[in-house]
Amino acid sequence: MDRRPALLGWRQRLETAARHDDWAALARADREVAAGLPGLAAAGPWSDIERIALQQLQQSHATARERCGSALTALGRQLDAMRQQREGWLAYAGGNAWDTE
């Protein structure tokens, strides 16, 4: 049984989702890998060409994790900036409430 098609499919889904910052699709692809990989591994030793495909999948997964980490860091910075401006926004919103009369 050639396991490369499954490995390649997972790799493509991971890369596509990460490239488009599609976090829901990335989570689905990650779950597919987590659910399917143990079954493939249980099928016996990897051939040399399957091992290469597995290494490529591992690299794509690592790249996707890095992209998630970068997005999380950027989101954290954005939330911190919003928190710092919160009082100003509240004061502005409260001041505008008087303008409607």
N, C-alpha and C. Protein backbone atom coordinates (compact mmCIF):
# COMPACT_ATOMS: atom_id res chain seq x y z
N MET A 1 0.85 -1.18 0.00
CA MET A 1 0.00 0.00 0.00
C MET A 1 0.89 1.25 0.00
N ASP A 2 0.66 2.12 -0.93
CA ASP A 2 1.41 3.37 -1.03
C ASP A 2 0.72 4.42 -0.16
N ARG A 3 1.42 4.90 0.84
CA ARG A 3 0.85 5.87 1.78
C ARG A 3 1.09 7.32 1.36
N ARG A 4 1.82 7.50 0.26
CA ARG A 4 2.14 8.86 -0.19
C ARG A 4 0.92 9.71 -0.52
N PRO A 5 -0.12 9.18 -1.17
CA PRO A 5 -1.28 10.03 -1.47
C PRO A 5 -1.91 10.66 -0.23
N ALA A 6 -2.03 9.89 0.84
CA ALA A 6 -2.59 10.44 2.08
C ALA A 6 -1.67 11.51 2.65
N LEU A 7 -0.38 11.23 2.68
CA LEU A 7 0.58 12.20 3.21
C LEU A 7 0.58 13.48 2.38
N LEU A 8 0.55 13.34 1.07
CA LEU A 8 0.53 14.50 0.19
C LEU A 8 -0.75 15.30 0.35
N GLY A 9 -1.89 14.62 0.47
CA GLY A 9 -3.17 15.32 0.68
C GLY A 9 -3.17 16.13 1.95
N TRP A 10 -2.69 15.54 3.03
CA TRP A 10 -2.62 16.28 4.30
C TRP A 10 -1.69 17.48 4.18
N ARG A 11 -0.56 17.24 3.54
CA ARG A 11 0.41 18.32 3.37
C ARG A 11 -0.19 19.48 2.59
N GLN A 12 -0.87 19.18 1.49
CA GLN A 12 -1.48 20.23 0.68
C GLN A 12 -2.54 20.98 1.46
N ARG A 13 -3.36 20.27 2.24
CA ARG A 13 -4.40 20.96 3.02
C ARG A 13 -3.79 21.86 4.09
N LEU A 14 -2.74 21.37 4.75
CA LEU A 14 -2.06 22.19 5.75
C LEU A 14 -1.48 23.46 5.12
N GLU A 15 -0.78 23.27 4.01
CA GLU A 15 -0.12 24.41 3.37
C GLU A 15 -1.13 25.43 2.83
N THR A 16 -2.20 24.95 2.22
CA THR A 16 -3.20 25.85 1.68
C THR A 16 -3.88 26.64 2.79
N ALA A 17 -4.27 25.95 3.86
CA ALA A 17 -4.94 26.62 4.97
C ALA A 17 -4.01 27.64 5.62
N ALA A 18 -2.76 27.28 5.83
CA ALA A 18 -1.80 28.20 6.46
C ALA A 18 -1.54 29.40 5.57
N ARG A 19 -1.39 29.17 4.28
CA ARG A 19 -1.12 30.26 3.34
C ARG A 19 -2.25 31.28 3.31
N HIS A 20 -3.49 30.82 3.50
CA HIS A 20 -4.65 31.71 3.46
C HIS A 20 -5.11 32.15 4.85
N ASP A 21 -4.33 31.83 5.87
CA ASP A 21 -4.71 32.15 7.26
C ASP A 21 -6.12 31.66 7.56
N ASP A 22 -6.46 30.50 7.04
CA ASP A 22 -7.77 29.87 7.27
C ASP A 22 -7.63 28.96 8.48
N TRP A 23 -7.84 29.54 9.65
CA TRP A 23 -7.56 28.82 10.89
C TRP A 23 -8.49 27.64 11.10
N ALA A 24 -9.74 27.75 10.67
CA ALA A 24 -10.68 26.62 10.80
C ALA A 24 -10.23 25.45 9.92
N ALA A 25 -9.84 25.74 8.68
CA ALA A 25 -9.37 24.69 7.78
C ALA A 25 -8.05 24.10 8.29
N LEU A 26 -7.22 24.93 8.87
CA LEU A 26 -5.95 24.45 9.41
C LEU A 26 -6.20 23.51 10.58
N ALA A 27 -7.15 23.85 11.43
CA ALA A 27 -7.49 22.97 12.55
C ALA A 27 -8.04 21.63 12.05
N ARG A 28 -8.89 21.68 11.01
CA ARG A 28 -9.43 20.44 10.44
C ARG A 28 -8.31 19.57 9.87
N ALA A 29 -7.40 20.19 9.12
CA ALA A 29 -6.29 19.45 8.53
C ALA A 29 -5.41 18.84 9.62
N ASP A 30 -5.17 19.58 10.67
CA ASP A 30 -4.36 19.08 11.78
C ASP A 30 -5.05 17.88 12.43
N ARG A 31 -6.37 17.96 12.62
CA ARG A 31 -7.10 16.82 13.19
C ARG A 31 -7.05 15.60 12.27
N GLU A 32 -7.12 15.83 10.95
CA GLU A 32 -7.02 14.72 10.01
C GLU A 32 -5.68 14.02 10.13
N VAL A 33 -4.62 14.80 10.22
CA VAL A 33 -3.28 14.22 10.37
C VAL A 33 -3.21 13.42 11.67
N ALA A 34 -3.67 14.03 12.75
CA ALA A 34 -3.60 13.37 14.06
C ALA A 34 -4.41 12.07 14.08
N ALA A 35 -5.54 12.07 13.40
CA ALA A 35 -6.38 10.87 13.38
C ALA A 35 -5.86 9.81 12.42
N GLY A 36 -5.32 10.23 11.30
CA GLY A 36 -4.95 9.28 10.26
C GLY A 36 -3.53 8.75 10.32
N LEU A 37 -2.62 9.52 10.84
CA LEU A 37 -1.22 9.13 10.83
C LEU A 37 -0.93 7.86 11.62
N PRO A 38 -1.51 7.68 12.81
CA PRO A 38 -1.23 6.43 13.53
C PRO A 38 -1.61 5.17 12.74
N GLY A 39 -2.70 5.23 12.00
CA GLY A 39 -3.09 4.09 11.19
C GLY A 39 -2.11 3.80 10.08
N LEU A 40 -1.63 4.87 9.46
CA LEU A 40 -0.62 4.68 8.41
C LEU A 40 0.68 4.12 8.99
N ALA A 41 1.07 4.62 10.14
CA ALA A 41 2.31 4.15 10.77
C ALA A 41 2.20 2.69 11.17
N ALA A 42 1.01 2.26 11.53
CA ALA A 42 0.80 0.87 11.95
C ALA A 42 0.85 -0.10 10.78
N ALA A 43 0.83 0.42 9.56
CA ALA A 43 0.83 -0.44 8.37
C ALA A 43 2.19 -1.07 8.08
N GLY A 44 3.18 -0.72 8.86
CA GLY A 44 4.50 -1.31 8.65
C GLY A 44 5.56 -0.27 8.39
N PRO A 45 6.77 -0.74 8.10
CA PRO A 45 7.87 0.20 7.87
C PRO A 45 7.61 1.10 6.67
N TRP A 46 8.11 2.31 6.77
CA TRP A 46 7.98 3.28 5.69
C TRP A 46 9.02 2.97 4.61
N SER A 47 8.62 3.06 3.36
CA SER A 47 9.59 2.96 2.27
C SER A 47 10.39 4.26 2.24
N ASP A 48 11.47 4.26 1.49
CA ASP A 48 12.29 5.47 1.40
C ASP A 48 11.48 6.64 0.84
N ILE A 49 10.68 6.39 -0.18
CA ILE A 49 9.91 7.47 -0.79
C ILE A 49 8.77 7.93 0.13
N GLU A 50 8.20 7.00 0.89
CA GLU A 50 7.18 7.38 1.88
C GLU A 50 7.80 8.19 3.01
N ARG A 51 9.00 7.83 3.39
CA ARG A 51 9.69 8.56 4.46
C ARG A 51 9.95 10.01 4.03
N ILE A 52 10.29 10.20 2.77
CA ILE A 52 10.49 11.56 2.25
C ILE A 52 9.17 12.33 2.31
N ALA A 53 8.07 11.71 1.90
CA ALA A 53 6.76 12.36 1.95
C ALA A 53 6.37 12.67 3.40
N LEU A 54 6.70 11.78 4.32
CA LEU A 54 6.42 12.00 5.73
C LEU A 54 7.23 13.18 6.26
N GLN A 55 8.49 13.27 5.87
CA GLN A 55 9.33 14.39 6.29
C GLN A 55 8.79 15.71 5.73
N GLN A 56 8.31 15.69 4.50
CA GLN A 56 7.73 16.90 3.92
C GLN A 56 6.46 17.30 4.66
N LEU A 57 5.66 16.33 5.05
CA LEU A 57 4.46 16.62 5.85
C LEU A 57 4.86 17.22 7.19
N GLN A 58 5.88 16.65 7.82
CA GLN A 58 6.35 17.19 9.09
C GLN A 58 6.82 18.63 8.94
N GLN A 59 7.52 18.93 7.86
CA GLN A 59 7.99 20.30 7.62
C GLN A 59 6.82 21.24 7.40
N SER A 60 5.83 20.80 6.64
CA SER A 60 4.64 21.63 6.41
C SER A 60 3.90 21.89 7.71
N HIS A 61 3.84 20.87 8.55
CA HIS A 61 3.17 21.01 9.85
C HIS A 61 3.93 22.00 10.72
N ALA A 62 5.26 21.91 10.73
CA ALA A 62 6.08 22.84 11.51
C ALA A 62 5.90 24.27 11.00
N THR A 63 5.86 24.45 9.71
CA THR A 63 5.66 25.78 9.13
C THR A 63 4.29 26.33 9.51
N ALA A 64 3.27 25.48 9.49
CA ALA A 64 1.92 25.91 9.88
C ALA A 64 1.89 26.31 11.35
N ARG A 65 2.59 25.55 12.21
CA ARG A 65 2.66 25.91 13.63
C ARG A 65 3.34 27.27 13.81
N GLU A 66 4.41 27.52 13.07
CA GLU A 66 5.09 28.81 13.15
C GLU A 66 4.16 29.94 12.71
N ARG A 67 3.41 29.70 11.66
CA ARG A 67 2.47 30.72 11.16
C ARG A 67 1.39 31.00 12.21
N CYS A 68 0.91 29.95 12.86
CA CYS A 68 -0.08 30.13 13.94
C CYS A 68 0.53 30.94 15.08
N GLY A 69 1.76 30.62 15.44
CA GLY A 69 2.42 31.36 16.51
C GLY A 69 2.59 32.83 16.18
N SER A 70 2.96 33.12 14.95
CA SER A 70 3.12 34.51 14.52
C SER A 70 1.78 35.25 14.55
N ALA A 71 0.74 34.58 14.09
CA ALA A 71 -0.60 35.20 14.10
C ALA A 71 -1.07 35.43 15.52
N LEU A 72 -0.79 34.50 16.41
CA LEU A 72 -1.17 34.65 17.81
C LEU A 72 -0.44 35.83 18.44
N THR A 73 0.83 35.97 18.14
CA THR A 73 1.61 37.09 18.66
C THR A 73 1.05 38.42 18.15
N ALA A 74 0.75 38.48 16.86
CA ALA A 74 0.20 39.71 16.27
C ALA A 74 -1.16 40.04 16.88
N LEU A 75 -1.99 39.04 17.08
CA LEU A 75 -3.29 39.25 17.69
C LEU A 75 -3.15 39.74 19.13
N GLY A 76 -2.20 39.18 19.84
CA GLY A 76 -1.94 39.64 21.21
C GLY A 76 -1.54 41.10 21.25
N ARG A 77 -0.69 41.51 20.31
CA ARG A 77 -0.29 42.92 20.24
C ARG A 77 -1.49 43.82 19.94
N GLN A 78 -2.34 43.37 19.03
CA GLN A 78 -3.52 44.15 18.67
C GLN A 78 -4.47 44.27 19.87
N LEU A 79 -4.67 43.20 20.59
CA LEU A 79 -5.53 43.25 21.78
C LEU A 79 -4.95 44.15 22.86
N ASP A 80 -3.64 44.09 23.04
CA ASP A 80 -2.99 44.98 24.01
C ASP A 80 -3.20 46.45 23.62
N ALA A 81 -3.04 46.75 22.35
CA ALA A 81 -3.25 48.13 21.87
C ALA A 81 -4.70 48.56 22.11
N MET A 82 -5.62 47.67 21.87
CA MET A 82 -7.03 47.99 22.09
C MET A 82 -7.30 48.23 23.58
N ARG A 83 -6.69 47.40 24.44
CA ARG A 83 -6.86 47.58 25.88
C ARG A 83 -6.32 48.94 26.33
N GLN A 84 -5.19 49.34 25.77
CA GLN A 84 -4.58 50.61 26.14
C GLN A 84 -5.43 51.79 25.70
N GLN A 85 -6.19 51.63 24.65
CA GLN A 85 -7.02 52.72 24.13
C GLN A 85 -8.45 52.66 24.66
N ARG A 86 -8.75 51.69 25.47
CA ARG A 86 -10.13 51.47 25.92
C ARG A 86 -10.72 52.69 26.63
N GLU A 87 -9.99 53.26 27.54
CA GLU A 87 -10.51 54.42 28.28
C GLU A 87 -10.82 55.58 27.35
N GLY A 88 -9.96 55.80 26.37
CA GLY A 88 -10.21 56.87 25.41
C GLY A 88 -11.46 56.60 24.59
N TRP A 89 -11.65 55.38 24.18
CA TRP A 89 -12.84 55.02 23.41
C TRP A 89 -14.10 55.19 24.24
N LEU A 90 -14.02 54.78 25.50
CA LEU A 90 -15.19 54.91 26.38
C LEU A 90 -15.53 56.38 26.62
N ALA A 91 -14.49 57.19 26.81
CA ALA A 91 -14.73 58.62 27.02
C ALA A 91 -15.32 59.24 25.76
N TYR A 92 -14.81 58.86 24.61
CA TYR A 92 -15.33 59.37 23.35
C TYR A 92 -16.78 58.95 23.16
N ALA A 93 -17.08 57.68 23.42
CA ALA A 93 -18.45 57.16 23.27
C ALA A 93 -19.38 57.87 24.25
N GLY A 94 -18.93 58.11 25.46
CA GLY A 94 -19.75 58.81 26.45
C GLY A 94 -19.98 60.25 26.07
N GLY A 95 -18.98 60.89 25.50
CA GLY A 95 -19.11 62.27 25.06
C GLY A 95 -20.06 62.41 23.89
N ASN A 96 -20.07 61.45 23.03
CA ASN A 96 -20.96 61.48 21.87
C ASN A 96 -22.42 61.25 22.26
N ALA A 97 -22.64 60.63 23.38
CA ALA A 97 -24.03 60.39 23.81
C ALA A 97 -24.73 61.72 24.05
N TRP A 98 -23.98 62.75 24.46
CA TRP A 98 -24.58 64.06 24.72
C TRP A 98 -24.89 64.82 23.45
N ASP A 99 -24.21 64.44 22.35
CA ASP A 99 -24.40 65.16 21.09
C ASP A 99 -25.73 64.85 20.42
N THR A 100 -26.42 63.82 20.83
CA THR A 100 -27.66 63.42 20.15
C THR A 100 -28.86 64.23 20.57
N GLU A 101 -28.74 65.03 21.58
CA GLU A 101 -29.90 65.79 22.06
C GLU A 101 -30.11 67.06 21.30
